[in-house]
Protein backbone atom coordinates (compact mmCIF):
# COMPACT_ATOMS: atom_id res chain seq x y z
CA UNK A 1 43.39 9.13 46.54
CA UNK A 2 42.97 5.34 46.43
CA UNK A 3 39.60 4.20 47.81
CA UNK A 4 40.30 1.43 50.32
CA UNK A 5 36.91 -0.17 49.71
CA UNK A 6 37.76 -0.95 46.07
CA UNK A 7 39.79 -3.94 47.30
CA UNK A 8 36.84 -5.48 49.12
CA UNK A 9 33.86 -4.96 46.78
CA UNK A 10 34.01 -8.18 44.78
CA UNK A 11 30.84 -8.32 42.65
CA UNK A 12 27.66 -6.56 41.53
CA UNK A 13 25.72 -7.68 44.60
CA UNK A 14 28.36 -6.17 46.86
CA UNK A 15 28.20 -2.93 44.89
CA UNK A 16 24.39 -2.76 45.07
CA UNK A 17 24.36 -3.32 48.81
CA UNK A 18 27.33 -1.02 49.33
CA UNK A 19 25.44 1.84 47.71
CA UNK A 20 22.81 1.53 50.44
CA UNK A 21 25.53 1.97 53.04
CA UNK A 22 26.94 4.93 51.10
CA UNK A 23 23.62 6.76 51.25
CA UNK A 24 23.27 6.09 54.98
CA UNK A 25 26.87 7.19 55.58
CA UNK A 26 26.28 10.43 53.69
CA UNK A 27 23.23 11.30 55.79
CA UNK A 28 24.96 10.25 59.02
CA UNK A 29 27.93 12.49 58.29
CA UNK A 30 25.63 15.41 57.52
CA UNK A 31 24.06 15.11 60.98
CA UNK A 32 27.30 14.91 63.00
CA UNK A 33 27.34 18.64 63.79
CA UNK A 34 24.16 18.05 65.82
CA UNK A 35 24.44 14.46 67.02
CA UNK A 36 27.96 14.68 68.48
CA UNK A 37 27.65 17.81 70.64
CA UNK A 38 24.10 16.98 71.73
CA UNK A 39 24.77 13.23 72.27
CA UNK A 40 21.72 12.19 70.25
CA UNK A 41 20.90 9.78 67.45
CA UNK A 42 19.42 11.54 64.43
CA UNK A 43 15.79 10.90 63.49
CA UNK A 44 16.70 11.89 59.93
CA UNK A 45 19.47 9.30 59.73
CA UNK A 46 17.15 6.62 61.10
CA UNK A 47 14.60 7.59 58.44
CA UNK A 48 17.19 7.00 55.69
CA UNK A 49 18.22 3.69 57.33
CA UNK A 50 14.62 2.52 57.15
CA UNK A 51 14.09 3.88 53.63
CA UNK A 52 17.04 1.75 52.49
CA UNK A 53 15.42 -1.25 54.26
CA UNK A 54 18.69 -1.68 56.07
CA UNK A 55 17.19 -3.21 59.25
CA UNK A 56 15.93 -6.24 57.32
CA UNK A 57 19.11 -6.98 55.33
CA UNK A 58 20.34 -9.80 57.56
CA UNK A 59 16.99 -11.59 57.38
CA UNK A 60 16.63 -14.42 54.90
CA UNK A 61 14.90 -13.90 51.55
CA UNK A 62 11.89 -15.78 52.92
CA UNK A 63 11.31 -12.87 55.30
CA UNK A 64 12.06 -10.24 52.65
CA UNK A 65 15.70 -9.72 53.57
CA UNK A 66 19.00 -10.08 51.69
CA UNK A 67 20.51 -12.85 53.86
CA UNK A 68 23.73 -10.87 54.29
CA UNK A 69 26.87 -12.92 54.71
CA UNK A 70 29.21 -11.89 57.52
CA UNK A 71 31.62 -10.48 54.93
CA UNK A 72 28.87 -8.31 53.42
CA UNK A 73 27.64 -7.21 56.83
CA UNK A 74 31.10 -5.99 57.83
CA UNK A 75 31.63 -4.25 54.49
CA UNK A 76 28.43 -2.22 54.85
CA UNK A 77 29.02 -1.47 58.51
CA UNK A 78 32.52 -0.21 57.84
CA UNK A 79 31.24 2.14 55.14
CA UNK A 80 28.55 3.57 57.42
CA UNK A 81 31.20 4.09 60.11
CA UNK A 82 33.24 6.11 57.65
CA UNK A 83 30.31 8.55 57.74
CA UNK A 84 29.76 8.29 61.50
CA UNK A 85 30.95 5.51 63.78
CA UNK A 86 28.11 6.09 66.24
CA UNK A 87 25.47 5.34 63.61
CA UNK A 88 27.28 2.21 62.43
CA UNK A 89 27.75 0.78 65.91
CA UNK A 90 24.15 1.50 66.90
CA UNK A 91 22.42 -0.06 63.91
CA UNK A 92 25.02 -2.83 63.82
CA UNK A 93 23.65 -4.21 67.08
CA UNK A 94 20.23 -4.61 65.49
CA UNK A 95 21.45 -6.30 62.31
CA UNK A 96 23.77 -8.57 64.25
CA UNK A 97 21.07 -9.63 66.68
CA UNK A 98 18.67 -10.47 63.84
CA UNK A 99 21.45 -12.44 62.12
CA UNK A 100 22.20 -14.35 65.30
CA UNK A 101 18.56 -15.15 66.02
CA UNK A 102 18.10 -16.38 62.46
CA UNK A 103 21.20 -18.56 62.34
CA UNK A 104 21.37 -19.92 65.89
CA UNK A 105 17.67 -20.60 66.49
CA UNK A 106 17.78 -19.06 69.96
CA UNK A 107 14.02 -18.43 69.98
CA UNK A 108 11.01 -20.55 69.08
CA UNK A 109 9.90 -20.19 65.47
CA UNK A 110 6.73 -18.36 66.51
CA UNK A 111 8.63 -15.83 68.61
CA UNK A 112 11.18 -15.16 65.88
CA UNK A 113 8.51 -14.99 63.18
CA UNK A 114 6.55 -12.28 64.94
CA UNK A 115 9.61 -10.06 65.33
CA UNK A 116 11.06 -10.80 61.88
CA UNK A 117 7.72 -10.00 60.24
CA UNK A 118 7.65 -6.52 61.80
CA UNK A 119 11.31 -5.90 60.94
CA UNK A 120 10.73 -6.91 57.32
CA UNK A 121 7.43 -5.11 56.79
CA UNK A 122 7.88 -2.04 58.98
CA UNK A 123 11.70 -1.88 59.37
CA UNK A 124 11.36 -1.95 63.14
CA UNK A 125 14.58 -1.78 65.14
CA UNK A 126 15.58 -3.78 68.23
CA UNK A 127 18.53 -4.01 70.60
CA UNK A 128 19.46 -6.08 73.61
CA UNK A 129 19.45 -4.26 76.95
CA UNK A 130 21.92 -6.28 78.98
CA UNK A 131 24.59 -4.14 80.61
CA UNK A 132 23.94 -2.84 84.13
CA UNK A 133 25.81 -0.33 86.31
CA UNK A 134 26.64 -2.95 88.98
CA UNK A 135 27.45 -5.93 86.78
CA UNK A 136 29.35 -4.25 83.94
CA UNK A 137 29.56 -6.06 80.63
CA UNK A 138 27.49 -9.28 80.53
CA UNK A 139 30.48 -10.97 78.89
CA UNK A 140 32.09 -10.99 82.35
CA UNK A 141 29.35 -13.30 83.60
CA UNK A 142 27.55 -11.10 86.13
CA UNK A 143 23.96 -11.98 87.06
CA UNK A 144 21.52 -9.18 86.21
CA UNK A 145 20.14 -7.19 89.11
CA UNK A 146 17.06 -6.62 86.98
CA UNK A 147 14.46 -9.08 88.28
CA UNK A 148 11.41 -10.70 86.71
CA UNK A 149 8.89 -11.86 89.33
CA UNK A 150 6.07 -14.21 88.34
CA UNK A 151 2.62 -12.88 89.14
CA UNK A 152 -0.03 -15.30 87.89
CA UNK A 153 -0.02 -15.25 84.10
CA UNK A 154 2.49 -12.41 83.80
CA UNK A 155 5.93 -11.26 84.91
CA UNK A 156 6.71 -8.00 86.72
CA UNK A 157 10.13 -6.65 85.70
CA UNK A 158 12.10 -4.02 87.61
CA UNK A 159 15.62 -2.81 86.94
CA UNK A 160 17.95 -0.43 85.10
CA UNK A 161 20.02 -1.08 81.98
CA UNK A 162 22.95 1.06 80.87
CA UNK A 163 24.64 1.48 77.46
CA UNK A 164 21.32 0.94 75.63
CA UNK A 165 22.30 2.25 72.19
CA UNK A 166 19.54 4.15 70.39
CA UNK A 167 17.47 3.70 73.55
CA UNK A 168 14.88 6.33 72.66
CA UNK A 169 14.59 5.22 69.02
CA UNK A 170 14.14 1.47 69.36
CA UNK A 171 10.84 -0.27 68.67
CA UNK A 172 11.65 -3.23 70.91
CA UNK A 173 14.03 -4.01 73.73
CA UNK A 174 15.31 -7.52 74.46
CA UNK A 175 15.82 -7.22 78.21
CA UNK A 176 17.86 -9.62 80.33
CA UNK A 177 16.60 -10.34 83.86
CA UNK A 178 17.00 -12.82 86.66
CA UNK A 179 13.77 -14.85 86.53
CA UNK A 180 13.08 -15.76 90.14
CA UNK A 181 10.69 -18.69 89.68
CA UNK A 182 13.04 -20.34 87.16
CA UNK A 183 16.22 -19.42 89.07
CA UNK A 184 17.96 -18.47 85.82
CA UNK A 185 18.60 -15.58 83.47
CA UNK A 186 16.02 -14.97 80.77
CA UNK A 187 15.39 -12.47 77.98
CA UNK A 188 12.09 -10.65 77.48
CA UNK A 189 10.93 -8.98 74.25
CA UNK A 190 9.29 -5.72 75.33
CA UNK A 191 7.55 -3.13 73.17
CA UNK A 192 8.85 0.40 73.70
CA UNK A 193 5.35 1.64 74.55
CA UNK A 194 4.93 -0.66 77.54
CA UNK A 195 3.82 1.19 80.69
CA UNK A 196 6.65 1.50 83.19
CA UNK A 197 9.40 1.81 80.57
CA UNK A 198 11.32 5.09 80.52
CA UNK A 199 14.64 6.30 79.13
CA UNK A 200 16.89 8.20 81.52
CA UNK A 201 19.10 10.62 79.56
CA UNK A 202 22.42 9.67 81.16
CA UNK A 203 24.65 9.46 78.05
CA UNK A 204 27.45 12.02 78.33
CA UNK A 205 30.69 10.42 77.22
CA UNK A 206 33.92 11.48 75.56
CA UNK A 207 33.36 9.50 72.35
CA UNK A 208 30.66 7.76 70.32
CA UNK A 209 28.25 10.34 71.64
CA UNK A 210 25.83 9.88 68.76
CA UNK A 211 24.90 6.36 69.86
CA UNK A 212 22.63 8.00 72.46
CA UNK A 213 23.26 5.01 74.74
CA UNK A 214 21.08 6.14 77.62
CA UNK A 215 19.77 4.08 80.53
CA UNK A 216 16.61 2.04 80.13
CA UNK A 217 14.57 2.07 83.34
CA UNK A 218 11.96 -0.61 84.06
CA UNK A 219 9.58 0.21 86.90
CA UNK A 220 7.30 -2.76 87.53
CA UNK A 221 6.84 -3.44 83.84
CA UNK A 222 4.16 -6.10 83.39
CA UNK A 223 4.67 -8.51 80.48
CA UNK A 224 2.99 -11.69 79.33
CA UNK A 225 4.53 -15.08 79.97
CA UNK A 226 5.14 -15.54 76.25
CA UNK A 227 7.29 -12.40 76.22
CA UNK A 228 9.99 -14.55 77.84
CA UNK A 229 11.55 -15.44 74.50
CA UNK A 230 14.97 -16.77 75.50
CA UNK A 231 16.63 -18.48 78.44
CA UNK A 232 20.35 -18.41 79.10
CA UNK A 233 21.95 -21.62 77.92
CA UNK A 234 23.94 -23.60 80.44
CA UNK A 235 26.29 -24.67 77.68
CA UNK A 236 29.46 -22.79 76.81
CA UNK A 237 28.54 -19.86 74.53
CA UNK A 238 29.21 -20.49 70.85
CA UNK A 239 31.46 -18.06 68.94
CA UNK A 240 29.50 -15.12 67.52
CA UNK A 241 30.79 -14.01 64.14
CA UNK A 242 28.39 -11.09 63.94
CA UNK A 243 30.24 -9.34 66.78
CA UNK A 244 32.91 -8.46 64.22
CA UNK A 245 30.65 -5.51 63.45
CA UNK A 246 32.46 -3.89 66.41
CA UNK A 247 35.97 -3.89 64.86
CA UNK A 248 34.42 -3.10 61.46
CA UNK A 249 32.97 0.06 62.96
CA UNK A 250 36.27 1.28 64.38
CA UNK A 251 38.09 0.35 61.20
CA UNK A 252 35.63 2.58 59.33
CA UNK A 253 36.49 5.45 61.67
CA UNK A 254 40.18 4.87 61.01
CA UNK A 255 39.58 4.81 57.25
CA UNK A 256 37.77 8.15 57.47
CA UNK A 257 40.68 9.59 59.45
CA UNK A 258 43.12 8.28 56.85
CA UNK A 259 41.14 9.85 54.01
CA UNK A 260 40.89 13.24 55.71
CA UNK A 261 44.56 13.19 56.72
CA UNK A 262 45.65 12.56 53.13
CA UNK A 263 43.35 15.30 51.84
CA UNK A 264 44.69 17.67 54.51
CA UNK A 265 48.29 16.84 53.61
CA UNK A 266 47.65 17.41 49.91
CA UNK A 267 46.06 20.80 50.48
CA UNK A 268 47.82 22.36 53.47
CA UNK A 269 50.86 24.44 52.62
CA UNK A 270 52.40 26.63 55.33
CA UNK A 271 54.31 29.69 54.14
CA UNK A 272 57.54 28.04 55.24
CA UNK A 273 57.22 25.48 52.41
CA UNK A 274 57.07 25.69 48.62
CA UNK A 275 54.82 22.61 48.45
CA UNK A 276 51.93 21.07 50.42
CA UNK A 277 53.05 19.03 53.41
CA UNK A 278 52.25 15.82 51.46
CA UNK A 279 55.69 16.29 49.87
CA UNK A 280 57.46 16.29 53.24
CA UNK A 281 59.30 13.08 54.09
CA UNK A 282 58.06 12.53 57.64
CA UNK A 283 54.45 13.17 56.53
CA UNK A 284 54.82 10.57 53.78
CA UNK A 285 56.24 8.18 56.39
CA UNK A 286 53.12 8.61 58.49
CA UNK A 287 50.83 8.11 55.47
CA UNK A 288 52.74 4.98 54.52
CA UNK A 289 52.44 3.67 58.07
CA UNK A 290 48.69 4.28 58.03
CA UNK A 291 48.46 2.34 54.76
CA UNK A 292 50.25 -0.79 55.91
CA UNK A 293 48.40 -0.84 59.21
CA UNK A 294 45.05 -0.56 57.45
CA UNK A 295 46.03 -3.19 54.90
CA UNK A 296 46.87 -5.62 57.70
CA UNK A 297 43.69 -4.89 59.62
CA UNK A 298 41.43 -5.21 56.57
CA UNK A 299 43.10 -8.39 55.40
CA UNK A 300 42.81 -10.02 58.82
CA UNK A 301 39.18 -9.05 59.40
CA UNK A 302 37.84 -9.93 55.95
CA UNK A 303 39.83 -13.17 55.75
CA UNK A 304 38.31 -14.37 59.01
CA UNK A 305 34.86 -13.24 57.84
CA UNK A 306 35.25 -15.25 54.63
CA UNK A 307 36.29 -18.30 56.64
CA UNK A 308 33.16 -17.90 58.78
CA UNK A 309 30.99 -17.72 55.67
CA UNK A 310 32.67 -20.46 53.66
CA UNK A 311 33.50 -23.00 56.38
CA UNK A 312 30.45 -23.20 58.67
CA UNK A 313 31.68 -26.48 60.16
CA UNK A 314 34.68 -24.58 61.58
CA UNK A 315 32.66 -21.85 63.32
CA UNK A 316 32.61 -23.62 66.68
CA UNK A 317 36.42 -23.50 66.70
CA UNK A 318 36.77 -19.83 65.69
CA UNK A 319 36.31 -18.09 69.02
CA UNK A 320 39.99 -17.23 69.39
CA UNK A 321 40.27 -15.94 65.83
CA UNK A 322 37.22 -13.71 66.21
CA UNK A 323 38.51 -12.31 69.48
CA UNK A 324 41.96 -11.72 67.98
CA UNK A 325 40.39 -9.77 65.12
CA UNK A 326 38.62 -7.50 67.59
CA UNK A 327 41.82 -6.90 69.59
CA UNK A 328 44.03 -6.35 66.55
CA UNK A 329 41.65 -4.19 64.53
CA UNK A 330 40.47 -1.86 67.29
CA UNK A 331 44.02 -1.24 68.50
CA UNK A 332 45.24 -0.70 64.92
CA UNK A 333 42.36 1.70 64.30
CA UNK A 334 43.44 3.78 67.30
CA UNK A 335 47.02 3.82 66.00
CA UNK A 336 45.89 4.98 62.55
CA UNK A 337 43.80 7.81 63.99
CA UNK A 338 46.76 8.87 66.12
CA UNK A 339 48.90 9.06 62.97
CA UNK A 340 46.21 11.13 61.26
CA UNK A 341 46.25 13.51 64.23
CA UNK A 342 50.02 13.85 63.95
CA UNK A 343 49.69 14.72 60.26
CA UNK A 344 47.12 17.40 61.04
CA UNK A 345 49.24 18.72 63.91
CA UNK A 346 47.68 21.24 66.25
CA UNK A 347 44.81 21.79 63.86
CA UNK A 348 43.73 18.23 64.58
CA UNK A 349 42.60 19.37 68.02
CA UNK A 350 40.28 22.02 66.59
CA UNK A 351 36.58 21.27 66.23
CA UNK A 352 36.79 22.94 62.81
CA UNK A 353 38.30 19.63 61.64
CA UNK A 354 36.96 16.07 62.08
CA UNK A 355 40.16 14.62 63.53
CA UNK A 356 39.42 15.26 67.19
CA UNK A 357 36.09 13.43 66.85
CA UNK A 358 37.79 10.43 65.23
CA UNK A 359 40.31 10.50 68.07
CA UNK A 360 37.54 10.47 70.71
CA UNK A 361 35.35 7.91 68.95
CA UNK A 362 38.01 5.36 68.08
CA UNK A 363 39.01 4.98 71.72
CA UNK A 364 35.61 3.55 72.59
CA UNK A 365 36.52 0.41 70.65
CA UNK A 366 38.99 -0.52 73.38
CA UNK A 367 36.07 -0.79 75.81
CA UNK A 368 33.71 -2.86 73.66
CA UNK A 369 33.75 -6.61 74.35
CA UNK A 370 35.76 -8.74 74.31
CA UNK A 371 38.28 -6.71 76.31
CA UNK A 372 41.98 -6.90 75.44
CA UNK A 373 42.95 -8.66 78.66
CA UNK A 374 40.37 -11.38 78.15
CA UNK A 375 41.51 -11.95 74.56
CA UNK A 376 45.19 -12.14 75.48
CA UNK A 377 44.39 -14.59 78.28
CA UNK A 378 42.32 -16.73 75.90
CA UNK A 379 45.11 -16.84 73.33
CA UNK A 380 47.70 -17.71 75.96
CA UNK A 381 45.63 -20.58 77.34
CA UNK A 382 45.02 -21.83 73.80
CA UNK A 383 48.75 -21.79 73.02
CA UNK A 384 49.60 -23.57 76.28
CA UNK A 385 46.90 -26.23 76.00
CA UNK A 386 47.97 -29.77 75.15
């Protein structure tokens, strides 16, 4: 079987970094029998992630990182997702956030330095807690119901955040809140051990169960004034290349489904045939369709990633391209997994095989931002603009 990743590993550095992702993917896959049914993130997988110093890879060399390019970031994330999409998506938020903070200077140098130092030296893990039950995705522009109220030299924060991936395993949360005295949205860096912080075990979804994206509950959490590390810009948000870790994740799931479908076809031989089903015409048609769909998706995603890396002056104009990648790749990934299910037939529905998990997991990509309708609307307005 041809390894799809051979086309995208271009040099020795890529290979060295890729081997880190391979080891994480192997451990993640080994834990799926527990993490998927129980909707938990594996402590053992997180241990391997930290042993590989994966959390610090997007930091610059000055902080002890590898200064991953976007292309490299997506390559590693896709490989981890081949092992388990839930692990890739979860840790991808951390790496992407650290990459964004480093490149876009969203925080003061002192605030970034104190977090980056702990990530580099202790492999601490962070995620933003932004989504809320009432507001939905923050990309839709809703104001957080979580409130930060000034009380002398501190803030008191109360609220609930949903979809907090790895909630019970994070070292820090970056929590969005409406800051009353400033009349604007701000972000607070909060240590997981802060009094008043609890995790409500609400995560019980069809797919991506291993992200353990439970609710984060803040009950009068008292933080220092200097924990307000970021304030929402009034300018139009700049394109965020690192969010391509989302389509990379679902493309990795599709690649895993492709690999298992080909292996299944080469080894399954019903007694009505003299050969494995890989020799049957309509099965070969489905394999060929998977191949050209994956070739298109990979080419589109990695070409845009290279443009982001090699033409930084163009990044401010790349919002539509990035959004189109997300739409195209996540939808293609779902189509590829569907083809894999058709190759496996009824056995694909059995939990004895991995196909039904791929089928459940890949659908979550359609609900990660940006949503299809928003992307299509953006592209239409762009085409119609003078």
